[in-house]
Amino acid sequence: MAKTMAVNAGSSSLKFQLLEMPAEQVLAQGLIERIGMDDAIVTIKYDAKAMNQGGRLDDQLVDDSNITISKDGQTRKYETVLPIKDHQQAINFMLQKLTDLGIIVDFNEITGVGHRVVAGGEWFNHSVKVTKAVLEKIDRLADYAPLHNPANAMGIRAFQKLLPDAVSVAVFDTSFYQTMPEENYLYAIPYQYYTRYGARKYGAHGTSHRYVANRAADMLRQPLKDLKVITMHLGAGDSITAVKDGKALDTSMGFTPLVGVAMATRSGDVDTSLIYYIQEREGLTNDQMLNILNKKSGLLGLSTISSDMRDLLAVYDTNDHARLAIKVFVNRIVKYVGQYIAEMGGVDALVFTAGIGENSAPIRQMIADKLAYFGVALDEAANQKRGEEIDISAKDARVKTLVIPTNEELMIARDVELFK
C-alpha cells in the first residue's frame, strides 16, 4: 500500500506522521524541534510492525543507544540531539532516519504529502493540490498568519525538492470556516476594509474542528447535518466552533488566532482602545504590543507564574493568581458556548479536544457546571478518564458531552487521498 506523509511545519519545528493509506495505519510519527540551532531535538515513535514492514530485523536496532523499546516490545522511540540548520536539512534527516529504522525502504514509497497551512484566506475553501500558483498565494497570505504561513510554505518547498514525484496537497485551517454567513465573519467596520484588504474573521484550528465534529456524529450515530454541535479545541491555543447543518456556523478566533477566549499566552478578546491606552503609557511599539498580547498574556499574564494549565491547577487552592487565571479561562469559554447555543437555537453535543480538552477533568467539570442550565451534566467516573474517545455525559443529561482526541494528521492524509 502507498504511504502518505502528513506535515505540520512551524517556524522552528517540523511535526509529521507517516500513514499507510487507505488503511489509515500510523507507521511513524515524530517531531523535530529547535530547527536552526546546534541542539535540535529529533523524536520519532514507531511500531515494531511498521519496522518489520520495512524489511529490517528487530535485533538489528535493539542495541542502538538512541532507541528505547516499550515494555511490551511493540513501541520504539528514537531520540537524538544534533545541529540542524534549516527545514531542508530537517526533512532530509527525517526521511533518511525512516529508512535507517526500516520504516521505509525507499523515499518513493511516499506517494503523497499533505501540508497543514494556517491561512487560506477566501481563496481556498477546501484542500488543493499544490501548484506554483497555489504556493504563490500561500506566500501572499503570510500577512494573515505571519508566524505560520511562511513556515508552511518552507515545508512544502523542502518536501517537493526531496519527493518531487509525490502528490503535494495543502490543507488549510481556515477552509472549514468558509461556510460562515456574512453576519458572523464580517466586523462592524467600514465595508471598504473588507473589499480592499480582506478584513474579516477567518478562524483557525479548522482541520481539528472538522475531524472531531465528524467523529461526534459517528459516536452519536446521526448525520452531522442533523446535529447542532459545539467543538472546543482547548490547548495552548483555544478556539470554539459552532457546527450546524454539517457546516461551520461561527468560530471564536478572528482575522488572526489572537482573539476569542483566553489562551495559554494569548489574550483573547480585548477592547482595542485599551490596547492603545496601555501602549501609549508604556511607550511600546506596535510589534512590542502584539508580542505582549500573543506571548505574555492569557494564563501566563493573569497567573504571573505559568502558561501551563497543569501548573495552575496544581496550586489552584493556594495561589490567588492561578485561581483567577483559571476562572477567566472557564468564563470566556462558557460565554462563547452560550452565544453559540443561542445562535444555533439549541445544542445536541459539546465536544472537548486538544491537550486541555482531552486531559483535564477539572476544567471539563468547571465548564459543564456553568452550563448546567442548558442540560449539561457529566458522569463523574467517566470524566476522570484522559485522552480517550468517550461519552462523559451523565445519564440524565439533555446535552451529550464527548471527549474526542483530535487527529489533524489523519484528516490531512484523507484529503491527500482525494488527489491520488
Protein backbone atom coordinates (compact mmCIF):
# COMPACT_ATOMS: atom_id res chain seq x y z
CA MET A 1 0.00 0.00 0.00
CA ALA A 2 1.07 3.59 -0.61
CA LYS A 3 2.33 5.78 2.19
CA THR A 4 1.28 9.36 2.91
CA MET A 5 3.13 11.93 4.99
CA ALA A 6 1.09 14.48 6.97
CA VAL A 7 3.19 17.53 7.81
CA ASN A 8 2.83 20.50 10.15
CA ALA A 9 5.80 22.82 9.69
CA GLY A 10 6.40 25.58 12.24
CA SER A 11 8.95 28.36 12.15
CA SER A 12 11.49 26.22 14.04
CA SER A 13 9.77 22.84 14.15
CA LEU A 14 8.51 20.00 11.97
CA LYS A 15 5.75 17.68 13.17
CA PHE A 16 4.95 14.70 10.98
CA GLN A 17 3.04 11.46 10.74
CA LEU A 18 3.58 8.68 8.21
CA LEU A 19 0.47 6.65 7.42
CA GLU A 20 -0.23 3.66 5.22
CA MET A 21 -3.22 4.59 3.12
CA PRO A 22 -6.04 3.95 2.59
CA ALA A 23 -5.79 1.59 5.59
CA GLU A 24 -5.11 4.67 7.79
CA GLN A 25 -2.44 2.78 9.74
CA VAL A 26 0.06 5.04 11.51
CA LEU A 27 3.56 3.75 10.77
CA ALA A 28 5.56 6.50 12.45
CA GLN A 29 5.12 9.92 13.97
CA GLY A 30 7.60 12.45 15.19
CA LEU A 31 8.75 15.95 15.90
CA ILE A 32 11.89 17.90 15.09
CA GLU A 33 12.27 20.92 17.36
CA ARG A 34 14.73 23.82 17.53
CA ILE A 35 15.45 23.80 13.78
CA GLY A 36 18.17 26.34 13.03
CA MET A 37 20.08 25.59 16.25
CA ASP A 38 23.00 23.38 17.20
CA ASP A 39 20.89 21.37 19.63
CA ALA A 40 17.84 20.46 17.54
CA ILE A 41 15.79 17.67 19.11
CA VAL A 42 14.53 14.77 16.97
CA THR A 43 11.91 12.31 18.24
CA ILE A 44 10.42 9.50 16.14
CA LYS A 45 7.92 6.98 17.52
CA TYR A 46 7.04 3.88 15.57
CA ASP A 47 5.60 0.41 15.94
CA ALA A 48 7.59 -2.82 15.63
CA LYS A 49 5.13 -3.98 12.95
CA ALA A 50 5.93 -0.92 10.87
CA MET A 51 9.63 -1.66 11.19
CA ASN A 52 9.14 -5.21 10.02
CA GLN A 53 7.22 -3.95 7.01
CA GLY A 54 10.35 -2.03 6.08
CA GLY A 55 12.21 -5.31 5.83
CA ARG A 56 14.52 -4.91 8.81
CA LEU A 57 15.05 -7.37 11.67
CA ASP A 58 14.23 -6.23 15.19
CA ASP A 59 17.57 -7.27 16.67
CA GLN A 60 19.47 -5.10 14.20
CA LEU A 61 18.29 -1.98 16.01
CA VAL A 62 17.91 -3.05 19.65
CA ASP A 63 21.47 -2.05 20.55
CA ASP A 64 21.18 1.45 19.13
CA SER A 65 21.63 3.72 22.16
CA ASN A 66 19.22 6.30 20.68
CA ILE A 67 16.31 3.85 20.65
CA THR A 68 14.16 2.87 23.60
CA ILE A 69 11.68 0.00 23.48
CA SER A 70 8.43 -0.24 25.39
CA LYS A 71 7.91 -2.98 27.96
CA ASP A 72 5.64 -4.91 25.62
CA GLY A 73 8.26 -4.70 22.89
CA GLN A 74 5.90 -3.12 20.39
CA THR A 75 6.66 0.60 20.50
CA ARG A 76 10.02 2.11 19.70
CA LYS A 77 11.18 5.68 20.23
CA TYR A 78 14.21 7.15 18.53
CA GLU A 79 15.65 10.32 20.08
CA THR A 80 18.71 12.38 19.31
CA VAL A 81 20.09 15.92 19.55
CA LEU A 82 22.17 17.36 16.71
CA PRO A 83 22.71 20.56 14.69
CA ILE A 84 20.02 21.16 12.05
CA LYS A 85 20.40 24.41 10.14
CA ASP A 86 17.09 24.57 8.24
CA HIS A 87 13.90 22.75 7.28
CA GLN A 88 15.52 21.21 4.20
CA GLN A 89 18.12 19.51 6.36
CA ALA A 90 15.47 18.52 8.92
CA ILE A 91 13.34 16.80 6.29
CA ASN A 92 16.33 15.10 4.70
CA PHE A 93 17.42 13.77 8.10
CA MET A 94 13.91 12.60 8.94
CA LEU A 95 13.44 10.72 5.67
CA GLN A 96 16.87 9.12 5.93
CA LYS A 97 16.17 8.07 9.51
CA LEU A 98 12.86 6.50 8.50
CA THR A 99 14.89 4.46 6.02
CA ASP A 100 17.58 3.58 8.58
CA LEU A 101 14.91 2.42 11.02
CA GLY A 102 13.38 0.17 8.40
CA ILE A 103 10.05 2.01 8.27
CA ILE A 104 10.52 2.72 4.58
CA VAL A 105 12.89 1.09 2.12
CA ASP A 106 12.86 3.87 -0.44
CA PHE A 107 11.71 7.51 -0.47
CA ASN A 108 9.46 6.70 -3.44
CA GLU A 109 7.19 4.67 -1.17
CA ILE A 110 5.81 8.03 -0.03
CA THR A 111 3.35 8.87 -2.78
CA GLY A 112 1.63 11.81 -1.13
CA VAL A 113 2.49 14.64 1.25
CA GLY A 114 -0.19 16.73 2.93
CA HIS A 115 0.75 20.05 4.47
CA ARG A 116 -1.12 21.94 7.15
CA VAL A 117 -1.40 25.58 6.08
CA VAL A 118 -2.89 28.00 8.59
CA ALA A 119 -4.25 30.81 6.39
CA GLY A 120 -6.05 30.21 3.12
CA GLY A 121 -8.00 33.47 3.10
CA GLU A 122 -11.01 33.45 0.79
CA TRP A 123 -9.03 31.81 -1.99
CA PHE A 124 -9.29 28.31 -0.57
CA ASN A 125 -12.49 26.77 0.75
CA HIS A 126 -11.13 23.22 0.52
CA SER A 127 -7.82 21.38 0.30
CA VAL A 128 -5.97 21.72 -3.02
CA LYS A 129 -3.11 20.13 -4.91
CA VAL A 130 -0.08 22.38 -4.63
CA THR A 131 0.87 24.15 -7.83
CA LYS A 132 3.15 27.11 -8.42
CA ALA A 133 0.11 29.41 -8.31
CA VAL A 134 -1.14 27.88 -5.05
CA LEU A 135 2.25 28.27 -3.42
CA GLU A 136 2.42 31.91 -4.51
CA LYS A 137 -0.96 32.54 -2.88
CA ILE A 138 0.19 30.87 0.35
CA ASP A 139 3.15 33.27 0.33
CA ARG A 140 0.85 36.25 -0.30
CA LEU A 141 -1.34 35.23 2.64
CA ALA A 142 1.61 35.48 5.04
CA ASP A 143 0.23 38.79 6.34
CA TYR A 144 -2.78 36.87 7.68
CA ALA A 145 -0.61 34.34 9.55
CA PRO A 146 2.95 35.73 9.76
CA LEU A 147 4.05 33.13 12.32
CA HIS A 148 2.74 30.18 10.31
CA ASN A 149 2.30 30.60 6.55
CA PRO A 150 5.98 31.31 5.76
CA ALA A 151 6.97 28.15 7.67
CA ASN A 152 4.21 26.15 5.99
CA ALA A 153 5.42 27.29 2.55
CA MET A 154 9.00 26.49 3.53
CA GLY A 155 7.99 22.95 4.42
CA ILE A 156 6.14 22.48 1.13
CA ARG A 157 9.14 23.58 -0.92
CA ALA A 158 11.53 21.40 1.07
CA PHE A 159 9.41 18.27 0.60
CA GLN A 160 8.86 18.98 -3.08
CA LYS A 161 12.61 19.10 -3.58
CA LEU A 162 13.19 15.74 -1.91
CA LEU A 163 9.99 13.99 -3.07
CA PRO A 164 9.30 15.53 -6.50
CA ASP A 165 7.07 12.65 -7.63
CA ALA A 166 4.80 12.64 -4.57
CA VAL A 167 1.42 14.38 -4.74
CA SER A 168 1.64 17.57 -2.68
CA VAL A 169 -1.58 18.83 -1.06
CA ALA A 170 -2.25 21.94 1.03
CA VAL A 171 -4.85 21.53 3.78
CA PHE A 172 -6.00 24.90 5.14
CA ASP A 173 -7.03 25.58 8.74
CA THR A 174 -9.34 28.32 7.52
CA SER A 175 -11.19 26.43 4.77
CA PHE A 176 -13.69 24.88 7.22
CA TYR A 177 -14.95 28.37 8.05
CA GLN A 178 -15.73 29.50 4.53
CA THR A 179 -19.33 28.36 5.13
CA MET A 180 -19.93 31.02 7.80
CA PRO A 181 -22.60 33.61 6.91
CA GLU A 182 -21.59 37.23 6.40
CA GLU A 183 -23.08 38.37 9.69
CA ASN A 184 -20.70 36.02 11.51
CA TYR A 185 -17.48 36.70 9.62
CA LEU A 186 -17.71 40.46 8.99
CA TYR A 187 -16.59 43.07 11.51
CA ALA A 188 -18.65 46.22 12.06
CA ILE A 189 -16.03 48.47 10.49
CA PRO A 190 -16.18 50.31 7.13
CA TYR A 191 -17.02 47.72 4.47
CA GLN A 192 -14.25 49.01 2.24
CA TYR A 193 -11.65 47.41 4.51
CA TYR A 194 -13.14 44.03 3.74
CA THR A 195 -13.16 44.60 -0.02
CA ARG A 196 -9.68 46.16 -0.04
CA TYR A 197 -7.79 44.06 2.49
CA GLY A 198 -9.93 41.03 3.25
CA ALA A 199 -10.53 42.27 6.80
CA ARG A 200 -12.84 39.59 8.23
CA LYS A 201 -12.95 36.61 10.57
CA TYR A 202 -11.10 33.58 9.19
CA GLY A 203 -10.84 31.33 12.25
CA ALA A 204 -8.21 28.68 12.97
CA HIS A 205 -7.89 25.02 14.03
CA GLY A 206 -10.39 24.22 11.27
CA THR A 207 -8.90 20.81 10.48
CA SER A 208 -9.20 19.79 14.14
CA HIS A 209 -12.78 21.04 14.45
CA ARG A 210 -13.73 19.30 11.20
CA TYR A 211 -12.33 16.00 12.44
CA VAL A 212 -13.94 15.99 15.89
CA ALA A 213 -17.31 17.23 14.62
CA ASN A 214 -17.49 14.31 12.20
CA ARG A 215 -16.34 11.86 14.87
CA ALA A 216 -19.05 13.22 17.20
CA ALA A 217 -21.67 12.43 14.56
CA ASP A 218 -20.24 8.91 14.26
CA MET A 219 -20.38 8.40 18.03
CA LEU A 220 -23.96 9.66 18.19
CA ARG A 221 -24.91 7.60 15.13
CA GLN A 222 -26.53 10.53 13.41
CA PRO A 223 -25.62 12.51 10.27
CA LEU A 224 -23.66 15.63 11.16
CA LYS A 225 -26.12 17.69 9.10
CA ASP A 226 -28.86 16.76 11.59
CA LEU A 227 -26.89 17.84 14.67
CA LYS A 228 -26.04 21.08 16.47
CA VAL A 229 -22.53 20.63 17.81
CA ILE A 230 -20.11 22.92 19.65
CA THR A 231 -16.49 21.83 19.44
CA MET A 232 -13.93 23.15 21.93
CA HIS A 233 -10.28 22.90 20.91
CA LEU A 234 -8.53 23.69 24.20
CA GLY A 235 -4.74 23.55 24.31
CA ALA A 236 -2.06 26.22 24.08
CA GLY A 237 -4.28 27.91 21.52
CA ASP A 238 -8.02 27.71 22.16
CA SER A 239 -10.96 28.04 19.82
CA ILE A 240 -14.68 27.31 20.00
CA THR A 241 -16.72 26.45 16.89
CA ALA A 242 -20.45 26.11 16.28
CA VAL A 243 -21.38 23.45 13.70
CA LYS A 244 -24.92 23.40 12.32
CA ASP A 245 -26.33 21.66 9.22
CA GLY A 246 -22.98 19.93 8.86
CA LYS A 247 -21.12 23.23 8.39
CA ALA A 248 -19.25 25.76 10.49
CA LEU A 249 -21.67 28.50 11.55
CA ASP A 250 -19.36 30.56 13.76
CA THR A 251 -15.99 30.40 15.50
CA SER A 252 -14.18 32.30 18.23
CA MET A 253 -10.88 33.12 16.53
CA GLY A 254 -10.90 36.02 14.12
CA PHE A 255 -8.71 37.65 11.47
CA THR A 256 -5.83 36.03 13.36
CA PRO A 257 -5.68 33.39 16.13
CA LEU A 258 -5.16 36.12 18.74
CA VAL A 259 -8.79 36.81 19.62
CA GLY A 260 -11.56 34.73 21.16
CA VAL A 261 -11.21 33.01 24.51
CA ALA A 262 -8.23 33.44 26.85
CA MET A 263 -5.38 31.08 25.91
CA ALA A 264 -2.03 29.94 27.27
CA THR A 265 -0.19 33.13 26.31
CA ARG A 266 -2.68 34.90 24.02
CA SER A 267 -5.07 37.45 25.43
CA GLY A 268 -8.21 36.56 23.54
CA ASP A 269 -10.74 39.38 23.20
CA VAL A 270 -9.55 42.80 24.46
CA ASP A 271 -11.05 46.27 23.94
CA THR A 272 -8.93 47.82 21.17
CA SER A 273 -8.97 51.22 22.89
CA LEU A 274 -7.43 49.63 25.98
CA ILE A 275 -4.57 48.33 23.85
CA TYR A 276 -3.79 51.85 22.59
CA TYR A 277 -4.16 53.20 26.13
CA ILE A 278 -1.55 50.78 27.52
CA GLN A 279 0.71 51.13 24.51
CA GLU A 280 0.86 54.90 24.84
CA ARG A 281 1.58 54.87 28.56
CA GLU A 282 4.18 52.12 28.36
CA GLY A 283 5.88 53.61 25.31
CA LEU A 284 5.52 50.38 23.34
CA THR A 285 5.87 49.90 19.60
CA ASN A 286 3.20 48.05 17.66
CA ASP A 287 5.39 44.94 17.47
CA GLN A 288 6.07 45.06 21.21
CA MET A 289 2.36 45.37 21.98
CA LEU A 290 1.49 42.48 19.68
CA ASN A 291 4.20 40.39 21.33
CA ILE A 292 2.65 41.05 24.75
CA LEU A 293 -0.82 40.11 23.52
CA ASN A 294 0.41 36.95 21.77
CA LYS A 295 3.13 35.68 24.09
CA LYS A 296 2.80 37.25 27.54
CA SER A 297 -0.94 37.35 28.16
CA GLY A 298 -3.62 34.72 28.73
CA LEU A 299 -2.99 32.21 31.51
CA LEU A 300 0.63 33.33 31.79
CA GLY A 301 -0.21 37.02 32.10
CA LEU A 302 -3.02 36.59 34.63
CA SER A 303 -1.38 33.91 36.76
CA THR A 304 2.10 35.52 36.65
CA ILE A 305 3.59 32.03 37.08
CA SER A 306 2.87 29.74 34.13
CA SER A 307 1.07 29.26 30.83
CA ASP A 308 0.60 25.55 31.54
CA MET A 309 -2.84 24.63 32.87
CA ARG A 310 -1.36 21.70 34.82
CA ASP A 311 0.87 24.06 36.81
CA LEU A 312 -2.06 26.32 37.63
CA LEU A 313 -4.37 23.51 38.70
CA ALA A 314 -1.64 22.19 40.99
CA VAL A 315 -1.76 25.42 43.03
CA TYR A 316 -5.45 26.29 42.48
CA ASP A 317 -6.25 26.23 46.22
CA THR A 318 -3.20 28.19 47.36
CA ASN A 319 -2.41 30.74 44.65
CA ASP A 320 -4.90 33.56 44.04
CA HIS A 321 -3.48 34.49 40.64
CA ALA A 322 -3.54 30.91 39.38
CA ARG A 323 -7.13 30.54 40.52
CA LEU A 324 -8.09 33.82 38.84
CA ALA A 325 -6.47 32.78 35.56
CA ILE A 326 -8.44 29.52 35.53
CA LYS A 327 -11.69 31.29 36.35
CA VAL A 328 -11.20 33.74 33.48
CA PHE A 329 -10.31 30.84 31.15
CA VAL A 330 -13.52 28.99 32.05
CA ASN A 331 -15.62 32.16 31.99
CA ARG A 332 -14.64 33.07 28.43
CA ILE A 333 -15.33 29.56 27.14
CA VAL A 334 -18.76 29.48 28.76
CA LYS A 335 -19.64 32.86 27.22
CA TYR A 336 -18.83 31.64 23.71
CA VAL A 337 -20.66 28.35 24.21
CA GLY A 338 -23.74 30.21 25.47
CA GLN A 339 -23.60 32.55 22.49
CA TYR A 340 -23.40 29.65 20.05
CA ILE A 341 -26.28 27.80 21.70
CA ALA A 342 -28.36 30.93 21.13
CA GLU A 343 -27.15 31.27 17.51
CA MET A 344 -27.98 27.65 16.68
CA GLY A 345 -31.23 27.58 18.64
CA GLY A 346 -30.02 24.80 20.92
CA VAL A 347 -27.25 22.23 21.09
CA ASP A 348 -27.11 18.44 20.83
CA ALA A 349 -23.50 17.84 21.79
CA LEU A 350 -20.43 19.51 23.25
CA VAL A 351 -17.01 18.18 22.25
CA PHE A 352 -13.76 18.64 24.17
CA THR A 353 -10.50 18.14 22.27
CA ALA A 354 -6.76 19.06 22.25
CA GLY A 355 -4.38 19.00 25.23
CA ILE A 356 -6.55 20.55 27.93
CA GLY A 357 -9.83 19.38 26.46
CA GLU A 358 -8.70 15.76 26.23
CA ASN A 359 -6.82 15.52 29.53
CA SER A 360 -8.11 17.98 32.14
CA ALA A 361 -11.08 16.54 34.04
CA PRO A 362 -11.25 19.54 36.43
CA ILE A 363 -11.54 22.06 33.58
CA ARG A 364 -14.21 19.99 31.82
CA GLN A 365 -16.15 19.80 35.09
CA MET A 366 -15.90 23.55 35.73
CA ILE A 367 -17.19 24.32 32.23
CA ALA A 368 -20.01 21.76 32.49
CA ASP A 369 -21.11 23.12 35.88
CA LYS A 370 -21.50 26.59 34.36
CA LEU A 371 -23.61 25.13 31.54
CA ALA A 372 -25.92 23.02 33.72
CA TYR A 373 -28.80 25.35 32.89
CA PHE A 374 -28.73 24.06 29.31
CA GLY A 375 -28.86 20.42 30.40
CA VAL A 376 -25.13 19.72 30.51
CA ALA A 377 -24.08 17.22 33.18
CA LEU A 378 -21.08 14.89 33.43
CA ASP A 379 -20.64 11.36 34.69
CA GLU A 380 -18.01 11.78 37.40
CA ALA A 381 -16.24 8.48 36.79
CA ALA A 382 -16.21 8.82 33.00
CA ASN A 383 -14.88 12.37 33.25
CA GLN A 384 -11.78 11.17 35.10
CA LYS A 385 -10.53 9.35 32.01
CA ARG A 386 -7.86 11.10 29.97
CA GLY A 387 -7.04 11.13 26.29
CA GLU A 388 -9.77 8.69 25.32
CA GLU A 389 -12.63 8.93 22.86
CA ILE A 390 -15.54 8.72 25.27
CA ASP A 391 -19.03 9.96 26.12
CA ILE A 392 -18.71 11.59 29.56
CA SER A 393 -22.37 12.67 29.82
CA ALA A 394 -24.41 11.85 32.89
CA LYS A 395 -27.33 9.50 32.20
CA ASP A 396 -29.91 12.25 32.71
CA ALA A 397 -28.03 14.92 30.71
CA ARG A 398 -30.07 16.58 27.97
CA VAL A 399 -26.88 17.51 26.09
CA LYS A 400 -24.25 14.94 25.15
CA THR A 401 -20.70 15.79 26.21
CA LEU A 402 -17.93 13.96 24.38
CA VAL A 403 -14.16 13.82 24.63
CA ILE A 404 -12.57 13.18 21.24
CA PRO A 405 -8.78 13.27 20.77
CA THR A 406 -8.11 15.35 17.71
CA ASN A 407 -6.31 13.86 14.72
CA GLU A 408 -5.42 16.59 12.28
CA GLU A 409 -2.81 14.36 10.64
CA LEU A 410 -5.44 11.78 9.70
CA MET A 411 -7.66 14.47 8.20
CA ILE A 412 -4.69 15.74 6.18
CA ALA A 413 -3.88 12.21 4.95
CA ARG A 414 -7.50 11.63 3.96
CA ASP A 415 -7.51 14.84 1.95
CA VAL A 416 -4.31 13.78 0.17
CA GLU A 417 -6.05 10.57 -0.93
CA LEU A 418 -8.57 12.66 -2.86
CA PHE A 419 -5.82 13.79 -5.22
CA LYS A 420 -4.01 10.49 -5.83
